[in-house]
Amino acid sequence: MSSKRILVVLFGPEGQGSFNESGAMGAERTRVRAPHHFIRTAWIEPREPDARAAALAKLCEEGWDLVVAHGGQGDEPVSRVAPAYPATAFAIAQ
């Protein structure tokens, strides 16, 4: 099985509980259950769509195989950024 570089992106400040924290916990469980993959969690705090897209683009420059945006907050940033990274797969988890 080939190893993949996977980035899980959460939008909003870390430590606020509920939806994003459950996504972070899911990423951590996946990291433990799939140790052959490199899985990183990144938080994008700004609420402004331009700032979110810029932060996501900067993360994508690191060369991820898969970027998973947690929640509908990722809809717009992913739609803006994904075309510039055709070698990266993108998913939005709801």
Protein backbone atom coordinates (compact mmCIF):
# COMPACT_ATOMS: atom_id res chain seq x y z
CA MET A 1 0.00 0.00 0.00
CA SER A 2 1.46 3.36 -0.96
CA SER A 3 1.77 6.10 1.58
CA LYS A 4 -0.21 9.32 1.06
CA ARG A 5 0.26 12.82 2.40
CA ILE A 6 -3.13 13.97 3.71
CA LEU A 7 -4.00 17.40 5.04
CA VAL A 8 -7.14 17.90 7.11
CA VAL A 9 -8.15 21.57 7.22
CA LEU A 10 -10.45 23.01 9.86
CA PHE A 11 -11.82 26.54 9.59
CA GLY A 12 -12.07 28.65 12.72
CA PRO A 13 -10.04 28.99 15.91
CA GLU A 14 -8.71 25.86 17.55
CA GLY A 15 -10.21 24.87 20.88
CA GLN A 16 -13.72 26.19 20.30
CA GLY A 17 -15.38 22.80 20.71
CA SER A 18 -18.18 21.08 18.83
CA PHE A 19 -18.01 20.54 15.06
CA ASN A 20 -14.37 21.44 14.37
CA GLU A 21 -13.08 19.66 17.43
CA SER A 22 -14.91 16.49 16.36
CA GLY A 23 -13.20 16.80 12.97
CA ALA A 24 -9.82 17.18 14.64
CA MET A 25 -10.50 14.10 16.77
CA GLY A 26 -11.48 12.17 13.64
CA ALA A 27 -8.23 13.16 11.95
CA GLU A 28 -6.29 12.00 15.01
CA ARG A 29 -8.11 8.64 15.04
CA THR A 30 -7.32 8.23 11.35
CA ARG A 31 -3.66 9.07 12.01
CA VAL A 32 -3.52 6.26 14.59
CA ARG A 33 -5.42 3.75 12.45
CA ALA A 34 -3.54 4.49 9.23
CA PRO A 35 0.08 4.96 10.32
CA HIS A 36 1.33 4.30 6.78
CA HIS A 37 -0.07 7.70 5.75
CA PHE A 38 1.24 11.09 6.84
CA ILE A 39 -1.78 13.01 8.15
CA ARG A 40 -1.55 16.60 9.32
CA THR A 41 -4.27 18.83 10.76
CA ALA A 42 -4.21 22.55 10.05
CA TRP A 43 -6.44 25.27 11.41
CA ILE A 44 -7.35 28.33 9.34
CA GLU A 45 -8.72 30.96 11.70
CA PRO A 46 -9.72 33.94 9.53
CA ARG A 47 -13.38 34.19 8.59
CA GLU A 48 -12.90 36.26 5.44
CA PRO A 49 -13.13 34.17 2.24
CA ASP A 50 -10.03 35.80 0.68
CA ALA A 51 -7.93 35.11 3.78
CA ARG A 52 -9.16 31.53 3.98
CA ALA A 53 -8.37 30.90 0.33
CA ALA A 54 -4.90 32.44 0.70
CA ALA A 55 -4.14 30.32 3.76
CA LEU A 56 -5.35 27.18 2.01
CA ALA A 57 -3.24 27.96 -1.08
CA LYS A 58 -0.17 28.39 1.09
CA LEU A 59 -0.77 24.98 2.69
CA CYS A 60 -1.31 23.38 -0.74
CA GLU A 61 2.16 24.54 -1.78
CA GLU A 62 3.49 21.81 0.55
CA GLY A 63 2.46 19.18 -2.00
CA TRP A 64 -0.37 17.17 -0.46
CA ASP A 65 -1.92 14.14 -2.14
CA LEU A 66 -5.30 14.82 -0.53
CA VAL A 67 -6.72 17.89 1.17
CA VAL A 68 -9.84 17.30 3.26
CA ALA A 69 -11.72 20.46 4.22
CA HIS A 70 -13.91 19.83 7.26
CA GLY A 71 -17.32 21.40 6.86
CA GLY A 72 -19.12 23.71 4.49
CA GLN A 73 -16.78 26.54 5.48
CA GLY A 74 -14.37 24.91 3.05
CA ASP A 75 -16.67 25.16 0.03
CA GLU A 76 -15.51 28.55 -1.18
CA PRO A 77 -11.78 28.28 -0.34
CA VAL A 78 -11.55 24.86 -1.99
CA SER A 79 -13.42 26.00 -5.10
CA ARG A 80 -10.98 28.90 -5.44
CA VAL A 81 -7.77 26.99 -4.73
CA ALA A 82 -8.28 23.48 -6.16
CA PRO A 83 -7.89 24.42 -9.86
CA ALA A 84 -4.36 25.67 -9.19
CA TYR A 85 -3.33 22.26 -7.75
CA PRO A 86 -4.43 19.61 -10.27
CA ALA A 87 -2.16 16.94 -8.76
CA THR A 88 -3.94 17.26 -5.39
CA ALA A 89 -7.28 15.61 -4.66
CA PHE A 90 -9.73 17.69 -2.63
CA ALA A 91 -12.68 16.60 -0.52
CA ILE A 92 -15.14 18.48 1.66
CA ALA A 93 -16.44 16.45 4.59
CA GLN A 94 -19.78 17.45 6.02
